[in-house]
Amino acid sequence: MIKTGKTPMTLMTYCAIMSISLIVNLPGLAVTPMLGTLSTIFPHTTQIEKQLLTALPNLLIIPFVLMSGKLSLTRHKLAIIVGGLVLFTACAVAYMFAPSMAALIVISCLLGCAAGLLIPFSTGLIADTFSGTYRMNQMGIQSGISNSALVVATFVVGWLSHGNWHLPFAVYLVCLIPLALSFGLRKVTSTAGNTTTSSTQATASTPAKTVSTEKTVGGFYMGRIWALIGVYFFITFASISISYYCPFLIEKKDWSASLSGTITAIYFLFILLPGYFLPFFMKVLKGNTFFWAAVMMLVGQALFVFCADSVTMCIGAALVGLGYGISQPVIYDKAAQCVNDEKKATMALSFVLTANYLAIVVSPFLIGALRDIFHVAAGGTFAFLISFILLIAYAIITFIMKKKFAFSVSAQDA
């Protein structure tokens, strides 16, 4: 049996919960490596169609994440999860037979809808069934699994892309694993949120006297939720430049395009590592966890801005990924502390999770607008400079406000 801080669960149930994390980061993955060759595959492809292929799925994830959070309050959690997995599987199969760009766009949009339904449950079921340090540790493992799946799938896509152009989409068939294990969720989806929390493993939040004075709306501590949304949006925005703009920087310097793939792989690798070793990082960094994570990201971006060469960029990507990877699961755990009713933990997580996808969608537009304002040419280190400047302010804020909910880490957490 797996210890949870609440009612122990079976290994099968645990595997079923964690298997959902295998697919939550995959939408858009198979498409990205092919964007440069789509004009050859489909000669009449327009730039707008290429943008729709990547932007629309991420946009559709957001409303479906929110809808899934709302539906999590019903008694039909298992039906929602299975329905999302079936739709995801259908899209994976449909990709194999897509005859046109329009078909790819439609299938990708449906895949985004399916992912949106599943994403809140990848962390929400953990919030429902674990508590205290157990929950913090499992949030780290969940983050590690989801990011590991992304790293492995990236290599698989690269390997499969040398054959038939449909083959890279086969990575989405990994959804068959959580679909096959979904029967193990039957008990947990009917009892989650109603189990009793052990007094020795209670969630490490602010004292009861403080909590009782906080304003709630419909059972949610809205101040906490908005604070976490802001933090998650910012760290995603401040780190996404590694994967978005590194290829352009390398192209401008006339370096090998393979370096871009190496740096991106290092970035994702160091995002996933803290998930598996989160208790270690929490014990070392303690109450300054968010501050030191911010410093790591700050130094990483500084390497891109002030001394960009192949070695320092790899180190910079590692530092940015490490800082982001430490912060992400802690934010997930804190999202579950934004409610005074355990049944609404998944819904609270859905609110916070939208910040990640919103940052991914708007980042290119915000950077582009700033570039136009300052009359900066495309490429170069401008995007990294913006992140560097913003991270200076963020690091100062995390240090000054380290005892506030959004940035605090208690002794029990650590």
Protein backbone atom coordinates (compact mmCIF):
# COMPACT_ATOMS: atom_id res chain seq x y z
CA MET A 1 0.00 0.00 0.00
CA ILE A 2 1.13 3.58 -0.76
CA LYS A 3 1.18 6.00 2.18
CA THR A 4 -0.70 9.21 1.41
CA GLY A 5 -1.22 11.05 4.71
CA LYS A 6 -4.85 10.06 4.23
CA THR A 7 -6.28 6.65 3.39
CA PRO A 8 -3.52 4.42 1.91
CA MET A 9 -3.94 3.46 -1.77
CA THR A 10 -2.97 0.44 -3.80
CA LEU A 11 -0.02 0.44 -6.19
CA MET A 12 -2.41 -0.02 -9.13
CA THR A 13 -4.36 3.11 -8.20
CA TYR A 14 -1.12 5.05 -7.74
CA CYS A 15 0.15 3.99 -11.19
CA ALA A 16 -3.20 4.92 -12.74
CA ILE A 17 -3.03 8.42 -11.25
CA MET A 18 0.58 9.02 -12.30
CA SER A 19 0.09 7.62 -15.82
CA ILE A 20 -2.10 10.60 -16.72
CA SER A 21 1.02 12.76 -16.41
CA LEU A 22 2.58 10.93 -19.37
CA ILE A 23 0.49 12.89 -21.87
CA VAL A 24 -0.28 16.31 -20.39
CA ASN A 25 2.81 17.99 -21.91
CA LEU A 26 2.65 16.31 -25.31
CA PRO A 27 0.11 18.35 -27.38
CA GLY A 28 1.96 20.17 -30.14
CA LEU A 29 5.11 18.10 -29.72
CA ALA A 30 4.90 16.10 -32.96
CA VAL A 31 4.01 19.18 -34.97
CA THR A 32 6.89 21.42 -33.88
CA PRO A 33 9.81 19.55 -35.52
CA MET A 34 7.87 19.47 -38.78
CA LEU A 35 7.02 23.16 -39.10
CA GLY A 36 10.02 23.82 -41.31
CA THR A 37 9.05 21.08 -43.79
CA LEU A 38 5.31 21.62 -43.95
CA SER A 39 5.70 23.79 -47.03
CA THR A 40 7.24 20.81 -48.80
CA ILE A 41 4.65 18.35 -47.53
CA PHE A 42 1.81 20.74 -48.34
CA PRO A 43 3.04 23.13 -51.08
CA HIS A 44 0.13 25.55 -50.66
CA THR A 45 0.54 25.97 -46.89
CA THR A 46 0.33 29.59 -45.71
CA GLN A 47 2.10 31.16 -42.74
CA ILE A 48 -1.25 31.69 -41.05
CA GLU A 49 -2.03 27.98 -41.27
CA LYS A 50 1.31 27.14 -39.64
CA GLN A 51 0.55 29.56 -36.82
CA LEU A 52 -2.95 28.13 -36.35
CA LEU A 53 -1.51 24.62 -36.15
CA THR A 54 0.51 25.53 -33.05
CA ALA A 55 -1.52 28.36 -31.48
CA LEU A 56 -5.09 27.03 -31.63
CA PRO A 57 -4.48 23.86 -29.57
CA ASN A 58 -2.86 25.87 -26.77
CA LEU A 59 -5.71 28.37 -26.83
CA LEU A 60 -8.31 25.59 -26.64
CA ILE A 61 -6.54 23.93 -23.73
CA ILE A 62 -7.33 26.95 -21.53
CA PRO A 63 -11.18 26.86 -21.61
CA PHE A 64 -11.21 23.08 -21.39
CA VAL A 65 -8.91 23.13 -18.36
CA LEU A 66 -11.36 25.51 -16.68
CA MET A 67 -14.34 23.40 -17.74
CA SER A 68 -12.65 20.25 -16.45
CA GLY A 69 -12.02 21.96 -13.12
CA LYS A 70 -15.72 22.79 -12.87
CA LEU A 71 -16.75 19.25 -13.85
CA SER A 72 -14.42 17.83 -11.19
CA LEU A 73 -16.98 18.92 -8.60
CA THR A 74 -19.45 16.38 -9.99
CA ARG A 75 -19.56 12.62 -9.37
CA HIS A 76 -18.43 11.87 -12.92
CA LYS A 77 -14.66 12.29 -12.59
CA LEU A 78 -13.89 8.86 -14.02
CA ALA A 79 -16.17 9.44 -17.00
CA ILE A 80 -14.44 12.77 -17.73
CA ILE A 81 -10.98 11.18 -17.53
CA VAL A 82 -11.91 8.20 -19.72
CA GLY A 83 -13.70 10.48 -22.18
CA GLY A 84 -10.63 12.71 -22.44
CA LEU A 85 -8.37 9.68 -22.95
CA VAL A 86 -10.64 8.22 -25.63
CA LEU A 87 -10.70 11.53 -27.51
CA PHE A 88 -6.91 11.79 -27.17
CA THR A 89 -6.52 8.26 -28.56
CA ALA A 90 -8.90 8.99 -31.44
CA CYS A 91 -6.83 12.06 -32.35
CA ALA A 92 -3.59 10.05 -32.22
CA VAL A 93 -5.04 7.55 -34.67
CA ALA A 94 -6.57 10.25 -36.87
CA TYR A 95 -3.16 11.91 -37.29
CA MET A 96 -1.96 8.77 -39.08
CA PHE A 97 -4.48 9.34 -41.84
CA ALA A 98 -4.58 13.15 -42.04
CA PRO A 99 -4.58 14.10 -45.74
CA SER A 100 -4.25 17.89 -45.51
CA MET A 101 -3.15 20.86 -43.44
CA ALA A 102 -6.77 21.66 -42.61
CA ALA A 103 -7.20 18.14 -41.22
CA LEU A 104 -4.06 18.53 -39.09
CA ILE A 105 -5.39 21.80 -37.65
CA VAL A 106 -8.77 20.26 -36.77
CA ILE A 107 -7.19 17.18 -35.18
CA SER A 108 -4.72 19.31 -33.22
CA CYS A 109 -7.58 21.43 -31.89
CA LEU A 110 -9.43 18.30 -30.74
CA LEU A 111 -6.22 17.06 -29.13
CA GLY A 112 -5.97 20.35 -27.23
CA CYS A 113 -9.55 19.88 -26.01
CA ALA A 114 -8.75 16.35 -24.81
CA ALA A 115 -5.58 17.50 -23.06
CA GLY A 116 -7.50 20.34 -21.40
CA LEU A 117 -9.93 17.84 -19.89
CA LEU A 118 -7.10 15.70 -18.51
CA ILE A 119 -4.55 18.27 -17.29
CA PRO A 120 -6.33 19.28 -14.03
CA PHE A 121 -6.71 15.65 -13.00
CA SER A 122 -2.98 14.93 -13.43
CA THR A 123 -2.37 17.09 -10.37
CA GLY A 124 -5.90 17.28 -8.94
CA LEU A 125 -6.10 13.58 -8.08
CA ILE A 126 -2.83 13.92 -6.20
CA ALA A 127 -4.20 16.90 -4.29
CA ASP A 128 -7.36 14.91 -3.49
CA THR A 129 -5.63 11.77 -2.26
CA PHE A 130 -2.37 12.97 -0.66
CA SER A 131 -1.68 15.52 2.07
CA GLY A 132 1.21 17.30 3.77
CA THR A 133 4.75 16.23 2.86
CA TYR A 134 3.37 13.23 1.00
CA ARG A 135 1.51 15.53 -1.37
CA MET A 136 4.50 17.83 -1.86
CA ASN A 137 6.72 14.86 -2.77
CA GLN A 138 4.14 13.41 -5.18
CA MET A 139 3.68 16.78 -6.90
CA GLY A 140 7.42 16.71 -7.57
CA ILE A 141 7.24 13.19 -8.99
CA GLN A 142 4.26 14.15 -11.14
CA SER A 143 6.16 17.10 -12.56
CA GLY A 144 9.16 14.85 -13.20
CA ILE A 145 7.05 12.24 -15.02
CA SER A 146 5.30 14.78 -17.26
CA ASN A 147 8.57 16.48 -18.21
CA SER A 148 10.38 13.14 -18.64
CA ALA A 149 7.70 12.06 -21.09
CA LEU A 150 8.26 15.29 -23.02
CA VAL A 151 12.04 14.77 -23.20
CA VAL A 152 11.75 11.11 -24.28
CA ALA A 153 9.03 11.90 -26.82
CA THR A 154 11.19 14.67 -28.32
CA PHE A 155 13.92 12.16 -29.11
CA VAL A 156 11.38 9.65 -30.45
CA VAL A 157 9.85 12.28 -32.72
CA GLY A 158 13.28 13.15 -34.09
CA TRP A 159 14.00 9.49 -34.78
CA LEU A 160 10.62 8.83 -36.42
CA SER A 161 10.71 12.00 -38.55
CA HIS A 162 13.20 10.40 -40.95
CA GLY A 163 10.46 8.17 -42.34
CA ASN A 164 6.85 8.77 -43.30
CA TRP A 165 5.78 12.24 -42.08
CA HIS A 166 2.80 10.66 -40.26
CA LEU A 167 5.03 8.56 -37.99
CA PRO A 168 6.03 11.29 -35.46
CA PHE A 169 2.39 11.50 -34.40
CA ALA A 170 2.66 7.94 -33.09
CA VAL A 171 4.10 9.39 -29.85
CA TYR A 172 0.57 10.40 -28.90
CA LEU A 173 -0.37 6.71 -28.67
CA VAL A 174 1.29 6.68 -25.25
CA CYS A 175 -2.21 7.66 -24.09
CA LEU A 176 -3.08 3.95 -24.35
CA ILE A 177 -1.16 3.41 -21.08
CA PRO A 178 -3.36 5.64 -18.87
CA LEU A 179 -6.43 4.44 -20.79
CA ALA A 180 -5.57 0.81 -19.96
CA LEU A 181 -4.97 1.71 -16.30
CA SER A 182 -8.03 3.93 -15.94
CA PHE A 183 -10.03 1.16 -14.26
CA GLY A 184 -7.70 1.64 -11.28
CA LEU A 185 -9.18 5.12 -10.77
CA ARG A 186 -12.66 3.83 -10.06
CA LYS A 187 -12.37 3.96 -6.27
CA VAL A 188 -10.28 7.11 -5.96
CA THR A 189 -12.54 9.19 -8.23
CA SER A 190 -15.57 8.28 -6.15
CA THR A 191 -13.96 8.98 -2.76
CA ALA A 192 -11.36 11.72 -3.47
CA GLY A 193 -11.86 14.79 -1.36
CA ASN A 194 -13.81 12.89 1.29
CA THR A 195 -10.99 11.04 3.04
CA THR A 196 -9.72 12.01 6.45
CA THR A 197 -6.41 13.78 6.76
CA SER A 198 -3.95 12.48 9.34
CA SER A 199 -3.28 15.05 12.03
CA THR A 200 0.47 14.42 11.82
CA GLN A 201 0.51 14.98 8.07
CA ALA A 202 -1.81 17.96 7.78
CA THR A 203 -1.22 20.34 4.92
CA ALA A 204 1.50 22.88 5.64
CA SER A 205 -0.43 26.09 5.21
CA THR A 206 -0.85 29.17 7.31
CA PRO A 207 -2.21 28.80 10.85
CA ALA A 208 -5.92 28.31 11.30
CA LYS A 209 -6.35 31.71 12.94
CA THR A 210 -4.85 33.41 9.86
CA VAL A 211 -6.82 31.32 7.40
CA SER A 212 -10.12 32.19 9.09
CA THR A 213 -9.57 35.88 8.45
CA GLU A 214 -8.92 35.50 4.71
CA LYS A 215 -11.66 36.41 2.28
CA THR A 216 -13.21 33.45 0.48
CA VAL A 217 -15.45 33.35 -2.57
CA GLY A 218 -17.33 30.11 -3.09
CA GLY A 219 -14.86 28.22 -0.91
CA PHE A 220 -11.76 29.64 -2.64
CA TYR A 221 -9.14 31.93 -1.13
CA MET A 222 -9.10 34.21 -4.15
CA GLY A 223 -6.09 36.21 -2.98
CA ARG A 224 -4.03 33.03 -2.89
CA ILE A 225 -5.24 31.83 -6.28
CA TRP A 226 -4.51 35.14 -8.01
CA ALA A 227 -1.07 35.28 -6.40
CA LEU A 228 -0.19 31.81 -7.69
CA ILE A 229 -1.59 32.58 -11.15
CA GLY A 230 0.66 35.64 -11.30
CA VAL A 231 3.75 33.73 -10.14
CA TYR A 232 3.17 30.79 -12.50
CA PHE A 233 2.48 33.08 -15.45
CA PHE A 234 5.64 35.03 -14.78
CA ILE A 235 8.08 32.12 -14.35
CA THR A 236 6.72 30.51 -17.53
CA PHE A 237 7.06 33.77 -19.43
CA ALA A 238 10.57 34.35 -18.06
CA SER A 239 11.79 30.87 -19.00
CA ILE A 240 10.01 30.17 -22.30
CA SER A 241 12.56 32.30 -24.15
CA ILE A 242 14.96 29.33 -24.00
CA SER A 243 12.80 27.21 -26.29
CA TYR A 244 11.21 30.06 -28.28
CA TYR A 245 14.15 32.33 -29.08
CA CYS A 246 17.31 30.26 -28.73
CA PRO A 247 17.02 28.95 -32.35
CA PHE A 248 16.90 32.52 -33.67
CA LEU A 249 19.91 33.57 -31.58
CA ILE A 250 21.92 30.60 -32.86
CA GLU A 251 20.86 31.31 -36.43
CA LYS A 252 21.99 34.94 -36.13
CA LYS A 253 25.39 33.82 -34.87
CA ASP A 254 25.68 31.33 -37.78
CA TRP A 255 26.20 28.40 -35.45
CA SER A 256 25.11 24.83 -36.10
CA ALA A 257 21.35 24.34 -35.85
CA SER A 258 21.98 21.16 -33.84
CA LEU A 259 23.14 23.34 -30.93
CA SER A 260 19.60 24.64 -30.57
CA GLY A 261 18.30 21.10 -30.09
CA THR A 262 21.02 20.39 -27.52
CA ILE A 263 20.26 23.52 -25.50
CA THR A 264 16.52 22.87 -25.58
CA ALA A 265 17.05 19.26 -24.47
CA ILE A 266 19.23 20.46 -21.56
CA TYR A 267 16.55 22.99 -20.59
CA PHE A 268 13.82 20.34 -20.41
CA LEU A 269 16.15 17.85 -18.71
CA PHE A 270 16.82 20.26 -15.85
CA ILE A 271 13.12 21.07 -15.55
CA LEU A 272 12.35 17.41 -14.89
CA LEU A 273 15.22 16.62 -12.49
CA PRO A 274 13.94 18.66 -9.48
CA GLY A 275 10.66 16.75 -9.62
CA TYR A 276 12.38 13.51 -8.68
CA PHE A 277 14.60 15.14 -6.05
CA LEU A 278 12.24 17.82 -4.73
CA PRO A 279 12.62 16.86 -1.01
CA PHE A 280 16.39 17.35 -1.33
CA PHE A 281 16.06 20.80 -2.91
CA MET A 282 13.43 21.82 -0.35
CA LYS A 283 15.67 20.80 2.57
CA VAL A 284 18.66 22.67 1.15
CA LEU A 285 16.83 25.86 0.10
CA LYS A 286 14.22 25.83 2.91
CA GLY A 287 12.35 29.11 3.35
CA ASN A 288 14.26 30.74 0.50
CA THR A 289 13.23 28.14 -2.10
CA PHE A 290 11.50 30.63 -4.41
CA PHE A 291 14.29 33.19 -4.01
CA TRP A 292 17.10 30.80 -4.97
CA ALA A 293 15.00 29.39 -7.82
CA ALA A 294 14.62 32.98 -9.08
CA VAL A 295 18.38 33.55 -8.75
CA MET A 296 19.08 30.41 -10.80
CA MET A 297 16.81 31.64 -13.58
CA LEU A 298 18.31 35.13 -13.36
CA VAL A 299 21.90 33.89 -13.69
CA GLY A 300 20.87 31.55 -16.51
CA GLN A 301 19.33 34.38 -18.53
CA ALA A 302 22.36 36.59 -17.79
CA LEU A 303 24.61 34.00 -19.48
CA PHE A 304 22.52 34.28 -22.65
CA VAL A 305 22.59 38.08 -22.57
CA PHE A 306 26.17 38.90 -21.63
CA CYS A 307 28.37 35.95 -22.64
CA ALA A 308 26.52 33.80 -25.12
CA ASP A 309 28.65 30.98 -26.48
CA SER A 310 27.93 27.29 -26.86
CA VAL A 311 29.10 26.31 -23.37
CA THR A 312 27.62 29.21 -21.38
CA MET A 313 24.28 28.87 -23.20
CA CYS A 314 24.10 25.20 -22.18
CA ILE A 315 24.84 26.18 -18.57
CA GLY A 316 22.31 29.02 -18.77
CA ALA A 317 19.60 26.67 -20.09
CA ALA A 318 20.34 24.26 -17.25
CA LEU A 319 20.04 27.00 -14.60
CA VAL A 320 16.79 28.39 -16.05
CA GLY A 321 15.33 24.89 -16.27
CA LEU A 322 16.42 24.05 -12.72
CA GLY A 323 14.87 27.20 -11.24
CA TYR A 324 11.63 26.64 -13.12
CA GLY A 325 11.57 22.93 -12.29
CA ILE A 326 11.92 23.63 -8.55
CA SER A 327 9.16 26.25 -8.54
CA GLN A 328 6.57 24.37 -10.60
CA PRO A 329 5.64 21.47 -8.26
CA VAL A 330 5.68 23.78 -5.22
CA ILE A 331 3.13 25.99 -6.99
CA TYR A 332 0.98 22.92 -7.71
CA ASP A 333 1.04 21.97 -4.03
CA LYS A 334 0.14 25.50 -2.97
CA ALA A 335 -2.81 25.54 -5.37
CA ALA A 336 -4.37 22.78 -3.32
CA GLN A 337 -4.12 25.08 -0.28
CA CYS A 338 -6.29 27.74 -1.92
CA VAL A 339 -9.59 26.14 -0.85
CA ASN A 340 -11.40 25.50 2.40
CA ASP A 341 -13.19 22.51 0.85
CA GLU A 342 -11.00 19.61 -0.32
CA LYS A 343 -13.51 18.71 -3.04
CA LYS A 344 -12.59 21.94 -4.86
CA ALA A 345 -8.82 21.31 -4.96
CA THR A 346 -8.89 20.15 -8.60
CA MET A 347 -10.87 23.22 -9.62
CA ALA A 348 -8.35 25.49 -7.86
CA LEU A 349 -5.55 23.73 -9.72
CA SER A 350 -7.35 24.27 -13.02
CA PHE A 351 -7.36 28.03 -12.39
CA VAL A 352 -3.63 28.07 -11.65
CA LEU A 353 -2.74 25.76 -14.57
CA THR A 354 -4.29 28.14 -17.10
CA ALA A 355 -1.51 30.64 -16.29
CA ASN A 356 1.06 28.31 -17.85
CA TYR A 357 -0.75 27.97 -21.17
CA LEU A 358 -1.69 31.64 -21.26
CA ALA A 359 1.98 32.58 -20.87
CA ILE A 360 2.96 30.20 -23.68
CA VAL A 361 0.37 31.74 -26.02
CA VAL A 362 0.97 35.43 -25.28
CA SER A 363 4.76 35.39 -24.85
CA PRO A 364 5.62 35.79 -28.57
CA PHE A 365 3.11 38.63 -28.91
CA LEU A 366 4.40 40.49 -25.83
CA ILE A 367 8.04 40.14 -26.88
CA GLY A 368 7.13 41.15 -30.43
CA ALA A 369 5.30 44.25 -29.19
CA LEU A 370 8.26 45.27 -27.01
CA ARG A 371 10.62 44.71 -29.93
CA ASP A 372 8.53 47.06 -32.07
CA ILE A 373 8.43 49.69 -29.33
CA PHE A 374 12.23 49.68 -28.94
CA HIS A 375 12.85 49.16 -32.67
CA VAL A 376 14.91 46.01 -32.12
CA ALA A 377 15.53 43.63 -35.01
CA ALA A 378 14.41 40.01 -34.79
CA GLY A 379 16.87 37.53 -33.33
CA GLY A 380 19.67 38.47 -30.96
CA THR A 381 19.40 38.55 -27.18
CA PHE A 382 16.46 40.95 -26.76
CA ALA A 383 14.02 38.33 -25.41
CA PHE A 384 16.63 37.09 -22.94
CA LEU A 385 17.38 40.66 -21.84
CA ILE A 386 13.70 41.30 -21.11
CA SER A 387 13.54 38.11 -19.02
CA PHE A 388 16.77 39.07 -17.23
CA ILE A 389 15.48 42.52 -16.26
CA LEU A 390 12.13 41.16 -15.07
CA LEU A 391 13.83 38.39 -13.10
CA ILE A 392 15.87 40.95 -11.16
CA ALA A 393 12.64 42.49 -9.89
CA TYR A 394 11.12 39.04 -9.30
CA ALA A 395 14.11 37.86 -7.23
CA ILE A 396 13.88 40.97 -5.04
CA ILE A 397 10.14 40.41 -4.55
CA THR A 398 10.58 36.74 -3.60
CA PHE A 399 13.16 37.69 -0.98
CA ILE A 400 11.17 40.55 0.54
CA MET A 401 7.88 38.60 0.49
CA LYS A 402 9.25 35.15 1.36
CA LYS A 403 6.83 34.85 4.28
CA LYS A 404 3.79 35.60 2.13
CA PHE A 405 1.71 32.64 0.95
CA ALA A 406 2.83 32.68 -2.70
CA PHE A 407 6.55 32.46 -1.82
CA SER A 408 6.59 30.82 1.62
CA VAL A 409 7.90 27.33 2.33
CA SER A 410 7.30 26.13 5.87
CA ALA A 411 9.51 23.85 7.92
CA GLN A 412 7.05 21.00 7.36
CA ASP A 413 7.23 21.44 3.59
CA ALA A 414 11.01 21.46 3.68
